[in-house]
Amino acid sequence: MRISSKTIIEAVAEVTGISVADIKGGSKMLPISRARQLAIYVMKVHNGDSHKFIARDLKLGDHTGSVYGFQKIGRLMESDADTQLTVSLIMRKLDYWTNPTGNKTLLAAEEVA
């Protein structure tokens, strides 16, 4: 099921603590650009969105910023536990937001374990 870019960006904002405005802005400060890269990665992996579409949604100027962000997070996913955890938390949040009743049992079971 496709999830809107707006919802993905909101999930990234909530997990990272970076505002939606900052994620969609042009700042190159590492925490902000990393949150933007995470949004790019999730939009591409979850929805299969084109880099051109992602760049337009995030106001990146052109698709090369999207390609770079996707590749950067892809490399980090291979070896960086913090990035793996962050992406996992974003994906779980999106899953919960799009299917809250189906996941309450799963979340309760994990809290007990």
Protein backbone atom coordinates (compact mmCIF):
# COMPACT_ATOMS: atom_id res chain seq x y z
CA MET A 1 0.00 0.00 0.00
CA ARG A 2 1.38 3.39 -1.01
CA ILE A 3 1.83 5.89 1.80
CA SER A 4 1.75 9.60 1.00
CA SER A 5 5.00 11.54 1.01
CA LYS A 6 3.47 13.87 3.60
CA THR A 7 2.88 10.95 5.98
CA ILE A 8 6.40 9.58 5.46
CA ILE A 9 7.94 12.99 6.13
CA GLU A 10 5.81 13.38 9.27
CA ALA A 11 6.96 9.96 10.53
CA VAL A 12 10.61 10.86 9.88
CA ALA A 13 10.09 14.17 11.68
CA GLU A 14 8.56 12.45 14.70
CA VAL A 15 11.26 9.78 14.95
CA THR A 16 14.21 12.13 14.37
CA GLY A 17 12.93 15.22 16.15
CA ILE A 18 13.57 17.33 13.04
CA SER A 19 10.64 19.47 11.91
CA VAL A 20 8.79 18.85 8.65
CA ALA A 21 9.77 22.39 7.56
CA ASP A 22 13.46 21.62 8.15
CA ILE A 23 13.25 18.29 6.31
CA LYS A 24 11.70 20.07 3.33
CA GLY A 25 14.12 23.00 3.64
CA GLY A 26 17.57 23.39 2.17
CA SER A 27 19.76 23.18 5.27
CA LYS A 28 22.91 21.12 4.93
CA MET A 29 23.39 20.70 8.70
CA LEU A 30 24.01 16.99 9.31
CA PRO A 31 21.01 16.16 11.52
CA ILE A 32 18.65 17.90 9.09
CA SER A 33 20.18 16.51 5.91
CA ARG A 34 20.26 13.02 7.48
CA ALA A 35 16.53 13.25 8.28
CA ARG A 36 15.92 14.34 4.67
CA GLN A 37 17.97 11.37 3.43
CA LEU A 38 15.94 9.04 5.64
CA ALA A 39 12.73 10.39 4.11
CA ILE A 40 14.16 9.84 0.63
CA TYR A 41 15.17 6.28 1.51
CA VAL A 42 11.77 5.37 2.94
CA MET A 43 9.89 6.99 0.04
CA LYS A 44 11.97 4.97 -2.42
CA VAL A 45 11.98 1.64 -0.54
CA HIS A 46 8.39 1.65 0.68
CA ASN A 47 6.65 3.29 -2.27
CA GLY A 48 9.10 2.81 -5.11
CA ASP A 49 8.77 6.53 -5.88
CA SER A 50 10.99 7.88 -8.63
CA HIS A 51 13.89 10.13 -7.69
CA LYS A 52 12.31 12.87 -9.78
CA PHE A 53 9.06 12.60 -7.77
CA ILE A 54 10.94 12.54 -4.45
CA ALA A 55 13.05 15.56 -5.42
CA ARG A 56 9.92 17.51 -6.34
CA ASP A 57 8.19 16.58 -3.05
CA LEU A 58 11.19 17.54 -0.94
CA LYS A 59 12.01 20.63 -3.02
CA LEU A 60 15.51 19.36 -3.79
CA GLY A 61 15.93 21.14 -7.10
CA ASP A 62 16.66 18.06 -9.18
CA HIS A 63 16.76 14.28 -8.83
CA THR A 64 20.50 14.01 -8.06
CA GLY A 65 19.96 14.99 -4.42
CA SER A 66 17.45 12.19 -4.09
CA VAL A 67 19.81 9.68 -5.70
CA TYR A 68 22.62 10.72 -3.34
CA GLY A 69 20.42 10.59 -0.23
CA PHE A 70 19.08 7.15 -1.14
CA GLN A 71 22.57 5.77 -1.77
CA LYS A 72 23.93 7.32 1.45
CA ILE A 73 21.28 5.70 3.65
CA GLY A 74 21.61 2.44 1.69
CA ARG A 75 25.33 2.32 2.53
CA LEU A 76 24.65 3.16 6.18
CA MET A 77 22.00 0.42 6.37
CA GLU A 78 24.72 -2.14 5.61
CA SER A 79 26.83 -1.34 8.65
CA ASP A 80 25.38 1.33 10.96
CA ALA A 81 23.14 0.00 13.73
CA ASP A 82 21.76 3.47 14.56
CA THR A 83 20.59 3.98 10.97
CA GLN A 84 19.10 0.48 10.88
CA LEU A 85 17.19 1.19 14.10
CA THR A 86 15.99 4.59 12.91
CA VAL A 87 14.69 3.20 9.61
CA SER A 88 13.02 0.35 11.49
CA LEU A 89 11.29 2.81 13.85
CA ILE A 90 10.08 4.92 10.93
CA MET A 91 8.73 1.86 9.12
CA ARG A 92 6.98 0.61 12.27
CA LYS A 93 5.43 4.03 12.87
CA LEU A 94 4.16 4.12 9.28
CA ASP A 95 2.79 0.61 9.63
CA TYR A 96 1.02 1.58 12.85
CA TRP A 97 -0.38 4.80 11.40
CA THR A 98 -1.77 3.00 8.36
CA ASN A 99 -3.13 -0.01 10.30
CA PRO A 100 -3.48 0.96 13.99
CA THR A 101 -5.89 -1.77 15.08
CA GLY A 102 -3.89 -4.58 13.51
CA ASN A 103 -0.71 -3.54 15.28
CA LYS A 104 -1.97 -2.95 18.81
CA THR A 105 -1.75 -6.67 19.56
CA LEU A 106 1.78 -6.87 18.13
CA LEU A 107 2.95 -3.83 20.12
CA ALA A 108 1.38 -5.13 23.35
CA ALA A 109 3.00 -8.54 22.87
CA GLU A 110 6.41 -6.94 22.38
CA GLU A 111 6.02 -4.85 25.56
CA VAL A 112 5.32 -8.01 27.56
CA ALA A 113 8.29 -9.92 26.13
